[in-house]
Amino acid sequence: MDRDSLESMTVVQLKELLADHSLPVSGRKAELIDRLMENQEDPQVEDSDKKEESDILESRQDTAAEAIETVVSDIVDGPDIHEESDVTFQTMVLIGAVILALGLVILSL
C-alpha cells in the first residue's frame, strides 16, 4: 500500500491493519502510517519468494509425474528385469553346481 491510500484510511482501519500484522496499535495516525510503511513487505522480495515456491512446486510435480509414468509403464509393459533375470540364472547355475558337487561327495562315500 502506498502512503496516500493509508492516509485516506481512518485510525480505526489503520489499527486493524496493524493488528492483522501483529504490530503495535498505539500512537498517532502518522505514527501508525509510518509503522505500516516500515513493516510493509517488499513486493520484489515477495515476488521472488512466490517464484521460488512456484519453481519448487513445479519440480515436485515433474518428479511425481515421472514416478507415476514409471509405475504405469511397469504395470502395462512389465518391469525391466533383464539384469535381475541374469543374476537369477547365475544363482541357479551356482546352486546346481553345489548340488552336483554334494551329490558326487555323497556317492564317493
N, C-alpha and C. Protein backbone atom coordinates (compact mmCIF):
# COMPACT_ATOMS: atom_id res chain seq x y z
N MET A 1 0.83 -1.18 0.00
CA MET A 1 0.00 0.00 0.00
C MET A 1 0.87 1.23 0.00
N ASP A 2 0.42 2.25 -0.70
CA ASP A 2 1.17 3.49 -0.70
C ASP A 2 0.68 4.41 0.41
N ARG A 3 1.47 5.43 0.70
CA ARG A 3 1.19 6.35 1.80
C ARG A 3 -0.15 7.06 1.60
N ASP A 4 -0.48 7.45 0.37
CA ASP A 4 -1.73 8.19 0.13
C ASP A 4 -2.95 7.35 0.51
N SER A 5 -2.93 6.07 0.14
CA SER A 5 -4.09 5.23 0.47
C SER A 5 -4.18 5.00 1.98
N LEU A 6 -3.04 4.93 2.66
CA LEU A 6 -3.07 4.77 4.11
C LEU A 6 -3.59 6.04 4.79
N GLU A 7 -3.19 7.20 4.27
CA GLU A 7 -3.63 8.46 4.86
C GLU A 7 -5.13 8.68 4.68
N SER A 8 -5.71 8.07 3.64
CA SER A 8 -7.14 8.22 3.42
C SER A 8 -7.97 7.32 4.34
N MET A 9 -7.31 6.40 5.04
CA MET A 9 -7.99 5.49 5.95
C MET A 9 -8.17 6.14 7.32
N THR A 10 -9.12 5.62 8.06
CA THR A 10 -9.34 6.11 9.42
C THR A 10 -8.35 5.46 10.37
N VAL A 11 -8.22 6.02 11.57
CA VAL A 11 -7.32 5.48 12.58
C VAL A 11 -7.76 4.06 12.95
N VAL A 12 -9.05 3.84 13.04
CA VAL A 12 -9.56 2.51 13.38
C VAL A 12 -9.15 1.50 12.31
N GLN A 13 -9.26 1.88 11.03
CA GLN A 13 -8.87 0.98 9.94
C GLN A 13 -7.37 0.71 9.98
N LEU A 14 -6.59 1.75 10.27
CA LEU A 14 -5.14 1.57 10.35
C LEU A 14 -4.78 0.63 11.50
N LYS A 15 -5.45 0.79 12.63
CA LYS A 15 -5.18 -0.08 13.77
C LYS A 15 -5.56 -1.53 13.45
N GLU A 16 -6.62 -1.73 12.68
CA GLU A 16 -7.00 -3.09 12.28
C GLU A 16 -5.91 -3.70 11.40
N LEU A 17 -5.38 -2.90 10.48
CA LEU A 17 -4.28 -3.39 9.63
C LEU A 17 -3.06 -3.75 10.47
N LEU A 18 -2.73 -2.88 11.42
CA LEU A 18 -1.59 -3.15 12.29
C LEU A 18 -1.81 -4.43 13.10
N ALA A 19 -3.02 -4.59 13.62
CA ALA A 19 -3.33 -5.78 14.40
C ALA A 19 -3.25 -7.03 13.53
N ASP A 20 -3.68 -6.93 12.28
CA ASP A 20 -3.59 -8.07 11.36
C ASP A 20 -2.15 -8.50 11.13
N HIS A 21 -1.23 -7.54 11.22
CA HIS A 21 0.19 -7.84 11.01
C HIS A 21 0.93 -8.01 12.34
N SER A 22 0.18 -8.12 13.44
CA SER A 22 0.75 -8.30 14.78
C SER A 22 1.72 -7.18 15.14
N LEU A 23 1.34 -5.96 14.80
CA LEU A 23 2.15 -4.78 15.11
C LEU A 23 1.44 -3.96 16.19
N PRO A 24 2.20 -3.16 16.94
CA PRO A 24 1.59 -2.32 17.96
C PRO A 24 0.57 -1.35 17.34
N VAL A 25 -0.53 -1.12 18.04
CA VAL A 25 -1.59 -0.27 17.51
C VAL A 25 -1.67 1.08 18.22
N SER A 26 -0.68 1.41 19.02
CA SER A 26 -0.71 2.68 19.74
C SER A 26 -0.01 3.77 18.94
N GLY A 27 -0.39 5.01 19.19
CA GLY A 27 0.25 6.14 18.56
C GLY A 27 -0.72 6.97 17.74
N ARG A 28 -0.18 8.06 17.22
CA ARG A 28 -0.98 8.95 16.39
C ARG A 28 -1.08 8.38 14.98
N LYS A 29 -1.96 8.97 14.20
CA LYS A 29 -2.21 8.45 12.85
C LYS A 29 -0.93 8.40 12.03
N ALA A 30 -0.12 9.45 12.09
CA ALA A 30 1.12 9.50 11.32
C ALA A 30 2.06 8.37 11.75
N GLU A 31 2.11 8.09 13.05
CA GLU A 31 2.95 7.01 13.55
C GLU A 31 2.45 5.65 13.08
N LEU A 32 1.13 5.50 13.07
CA LEU A 32 0.54 4.25 12.58
C LEU A 32 0.90 4.02 11.12
N ILE A 33 0.77 5.10 10.34
CA ILE A 33 1.10 5.01 8.90
C ILE A 33 2.58 4.68 8.73
N ASP A 34 3.44 5.37 9.49
CA ASP A 34 4.89 5.09 9.40
C ASP A 34 5.19 3.63 9.74
N ARG A 35 4.53 3.14 10.80
CA ARG A 35 4.75 1.75 11.22
C ARG A 35 4.32 0.78 10.12
N LEU A 36 3.19 1.06 9.49
CA LEU A 36 2.73 0.20 8.39
C LEU A 36 3.68 0.26 7.20
N MET A 37 4.15 1.46 6.90
CA MET A 37 5.08 1.61 5.76
C MET A 37 6.40 0.90 6.04
N GLU A 38 6.90 0.99 7.27
CA GLU A 38 8.17 0.35 7.62
C GLU A 38 8.08 -1.18 7.57
N ASN A 39 6.92 -1.68 7.93
CA ASN A 39 6.75 -3.13 8.01
C ASN A 39 6.08 -3.73 6.78
N GLN A 40 5.92 -2.91 5.78
CA GLN A 40 5.32 -3.40 4.54
C GLN A 40 6.35 -4.26 3.82
N GLU A 41 5.91 -5.42 3.35
CA GLU A 41 6.82 -6.34 2.66
C GLU A 41 7.20 -5.75 1.31
N ASP A 42 8.46 -5.97 0.95
CA ASP A 42 8.95 -5.51 -0.33
C ASP A 42 8.33 -6.36 -1.44
N PRO A 43 7.60 -5.75 -2.39
CA PRO A 43 6.93 -6.54 -3.43
C PRO A 43 7.90 -7.38 -4.26
N GLN A 44 9.12 -6.87 -4.48
CA GLN A 44 10.07 -7.63 -5.29
C GLN A 44 10.52 -8.88 -4.54
N VAL A 45 10.72 -8.76 -3.22
CA VAL A 45 11.11 -9.93 -2.43
C VAL A 45 9.96 -10.91 -2.40
N GLU A 46 8.75 -10.41 -2.24
CA GLU A 46 7.57 -11.28 -2.22
C GLU A 46 7.41 -11.99 -3.55
N ASP A 47 7.62 -11.26 -4.66
CA ASP A 47 7.51 -11.87 -5.98
C ASP A 47 8.57 -12.95 -6.17
N SER A 48 9.80 -12.69 -5.71
CA SER A 48 10.85 -13.69 -5.87
C SER A 48 10.57 -14.91 -5.00
N ASP A 49 9.99 -14.69 -3.80
CA ASP A 49 9.62 -15.82 -2.95
C ASP A 49 8.54 -16.65 -3.62
N LYS A 50 7.54 -15.98 -4.20
CA LYS A 50 6.47 -16.70 -4.88
C LYS A 50 7.02 -17.46 -6.08
N LYS A 51 7.97 -16.86 -6.81
CA LYS A 51 8.57 -17.51 -7.96
C LYS A 51 9.33 -18.75 -7.52
N GLU A 52 10.08 -18.63 -6.41
CA GLU A 52 10.84 -19.76 -5.90
C GLU A 52 9.91 -20.89 -5.45
N GLU A 53 8.84 -20.54 -4.75
CA GLU A 53 7.86 -21.54 -4.33
C GLU A 53 7.22 -22.21 -5.54
N SER A 54 6.94 -21.42 -6.56
CA SER A 54 6.35 -21.95 -7.78
C SER A 54 7.30 -22.92 -8.47
N ASP A 55 8.59 -22.56 -8.51
CA ASP A 55 9.59 -23.44 -9.12
C ASP A 55 9.71 -24.75 -8.36
N ILE A 56 9.69 -24.68 -7.03
CA ILE A 56 9.79 -25.89 -6.21
C ILE A 56 8.58 -26.77 -6.45
N LEU A 57 7.39 -26.16 -6.46
CA LEU A 57 6.16 -26.91 -6.68
C LEU A 57 6.18 -27.56 -8.06
N GLU A 58 6.64 -26.83 -9.07
CA GLU A 58 6.71 -27.38 -10.43
C GLU A 58 7.69 -28.54 -10.49
N SER A 59 8.82 -28.42 -9.80
CA SER A 59 9.81 -29.50 -9.77
C SER A 59 9.23 -30.75 -9.11
N ARG A 60 8.49 -30.55 -8.00
CA ARG A 60 7.87 -31.69 -7.33
C ARG A 60 6.82 -32.34 -8.21
N GLN A 61 6.08 -31.52 -8.95
CA GLN A 61 5.06 -32.07 -9.84
C GLN A 61 5.71 -32.89 -10.95
N ASP A 62 6.84 -32.38 -11.49
CA ASP A 62 7.56 -33.11 -12.53
C ASP A 62 8.06 -34.45 -12.00
N THR A 63 8.61 -34.43 -10.79
CA THR A 63 9.12 -35.66 -10.19
C THR A 63 7.98 -36.65 -9.95
N ALA A 64 6.87 -36.16 -9.45
CA ALA A 64 5.72 -37.02 -9.22
C ALA A 64 5.20 -37.59 -10.54
N ALA A 65 5.16 -36.75 -11.57
CA ALA A 65 4.68 -37.22 -12.87
C ALA A 65 5.60 -38.31 -13.42
N GLU A 66 6.90 -38.16 -13.25
CA GLU A 66 7.84 -39.17 -13.72
C GLU A 66 7.65 -40.49 -12.95
N ALA A 67 7.44 -40.38 -11.64
CA ALA A 67 7.23 -41.58 -10.83
C ALA A 67 5.96 -42.29 -11.25
N ILE A 68 4.90 -41.53 -11.48
CA ILE A 68 3.64 -42.13 -11.91
C ILE A 68 3.80 -42.78 -13.27
N GLU A 69 4.52 -42.11 -14.16
CA GLU A 69 4.74 -42.66 -15.50
C GLU A 69 5.51 -43.98 -15.43
N THR A 70 6.49 -44.05 -14.55
CA THR A 70 7.27 -45.27 -14.38
C THR A 70 6.40 -46.41 -13.86
N VAL A 71 5.58 -46.11 -12.86
CA VAL A 71 4.70 -47.14 -12.29
C VAL A 71 3.72 -47.64 -13.33
N VAL A 72 3.12 -46.72 -14.07
CA VAL A 72 2.15 -47.12 -15.10
C VAL A 72 2.85 -47.92 -16.18
N SER A 73 4.03 -47.51 -16.57
CA SER A 73 4.79 -48.23 -17.58
C SER A 73 5.11 -49.65 -17.11
N ASP A 74 5.48 -49.79 -15.82
CA ASP A 74 5.78 -51.11 -15.29
C ASP A 74 4.53 -52.00 -15.27
N ILE A 75 3.39 -51.39 -14.99
CA ILE A 75 2.15 -52.15 -14.96
C ILE A 75 1.77 -52.61 -16.36
N VAL A 76 1.89 -51.71 -17.33
CA VAL A 76 1.48 -52.01 -18.70
C VAL A 76 2.50 -52.92 -19.39
N ASP A 77 3.77 -52.55 -19.34
CA ASP A 77 4.81 -53.27 -20.06
C ASP A 77 5.51 -54.32 -19.22
N GLY A 78 5.33 -54.28 -17.94
CA GLY A 78 6.07 -55.15 -17.03
C GLY A 78 7.38 -54.48 -16.68
N PRO A 79 7.92 -54.76 -15.51
CA PRO A 79 9.16 -54.12 -15.11
C PRO A 79 10.33 -54.60 -15.97
N ASP A 80 11.35 -53.78 -16.06
CA ASP A 80 12.56 -54.12 -16.81
C ASP A 80 13.42 -55.00 -15.91
N ILE A 81 13.39 -56.33 -16.14
CA ILE A 81 14.07 -57.26 -15.24
C ILE A 81 15.19 -58.03 -15.92
N HIS A 82 15.72 -57.50 -17.00
CA HIS A 82 16.77 -58.22 -17.71
C HIS A 82 17.98 -58.48 -16.81
N GLU A 83 18.42 -57.48 -16.08
CA GLU A 83 19.57 -57.67 -15.20
C GLU A 83 19.23 -58.62 -14.07
N GLU A 84 18.03 -58.52 -13.51
CA GLU A 84 17.63 -59.39 -12.42
C GLU A 84 17.57 -60.84 -12.89
N SER A 85 17.09 -61.10 -14.10
CA SER A 85 17.00 -62.48 -14.58
C SER A 85 18.39 -63.05 -14.83
N ASP A 86 19.37 -62.23 -15.22
CA ASP A 86 20.73 -62.71 -15.37
C ASP A 86 21.29 -63.15 -14.01
N VAL A 87 21.05 -62.35 -12.99
CA VAL A 87 21.51 -62.71 -11.66
C VAL A 87 20.81 -63.97 -11.20
N THR A 88 19.52 -64.08 -11.43
CA THR A 88 18.78 -65.26 -11.04
C THR A 88 19.30 -66.50 -11.76
N PHE A 89 19.59 -66.38 -13.04
CA PHE A 89 20.12 -67.51 -13.80
C PHE A 89 21.48 -67.92 -13.26
N GLN A 90 22.34 -66.95 -12.99
CA GLN A 90 23.67 -67.25 -12.45
C GLN A 90 23.55 -67.92 -11.09
N THR A 91 22.62 -67.47 -10.28
CA THR A 91 22.40 -68.07 -8.96
C THR A 91 21.94 -69.52 -9.11
N MET A 92 21.04 -69.75 -10.06
CA MET A 92 20.54 -71.11 -10.27
C MET A 92 21.66 -72.04 -10.73
N VAL A 93 22.54 -71.58 -11.60
CA VAL A 93 23.67 -72.38 -12.07
C VAL A 93 24.60 -72.71 -10.91
N LEU A 94 24.85 -71.71 -10.06
CA LEU A 94 25.73 -71.91 -8.91
C LEU A 94 25.12 -72.93 -7.94
N ILE A 95 23.83 -72.82 -7.67
CA ILE A 95 23.16 -73.78 -6.78
C ILE A 95 23.21 -75.19 -7.38
N GLY A 96 22.98 -75.28 -8.68
CA GLY A 96 23.07 -76.59 -9.36
C GLY A 96 24.44 -77.19 -9.24
N ALA A 97 25.49 -76.38 -9.40
CA ALA A 97 26.86 -76.88 -9.29
C ALA A 97 27.14 -77.36 -7.88
N VAL A 98 26.64 -76.63 -6.87
CA VAL A 98 26.85 -77.04 -5.48
C VAL A 98 26.14 -78.36 -5.20
N ILE A 99 24.92 -78.50 -5.70
CA ILE A 99 24.16 -79.75 -5.50
C ILE A 99 24.87 -80.91 -6.19
N LEU A 100 25.37 -80.68 -7.38
CA LEU A 100 26.10 -81.72 -8.11
C LEU A 100 27.35 -82.14 -7.35
N ALA A 101 28.07 -81.17 -6.83
CA ALA A 101 29.30 -81.47 -6.07
C ALA A 101 28.95 -82.24 -4.80
N LEU A 102 27.86 -81.85 -4.13
CA LEU A 102 27.45 -82.58 -2.92
C LEU A 102 27.05 -84.00 -3.28
N GLY A 103 26.35 -84.15 -4.39
CA GLY A 103 25.96 -85.49 -4.84
C GLY A 103 27.16 -86.35 -5.11
N LEU A 104 28.20 -85.82 -5.74
CA LEU A 104 29.42 -86.58 -6.01
C LEU A 104 30.12 -86.94 -4.72
N VAL A 105 30.12 -86.03 -3.75
CA VAL A 105 30.75 -86.33 -2.47
C VAL A 105 30.02 -87.46 -1.78
N ILE A 106 28.70 -87.42 -1.80
CA ILE A 106 27.90 -88.48 -1.15
C ILE A 106 28.11 -89.82 -1.84
N LEU A 107 28.18 -89.83 -3.16
CA LEU A 107 28.38 -91.07 -3.90
C LEU A 107 29.76 -91.65 -3.66
N SER A 108 30.73 -90.80 -3.41
CA SER A 108 32.08 -91.30 -3.21
C SER A 108 32.26 -91.91 -1.82
N LEU A 109 31.33 -91.70 -0.91
CA LEU A 109 31.45 -92.29 0.42
C LEU A 109 31.10 -93.69 0.38
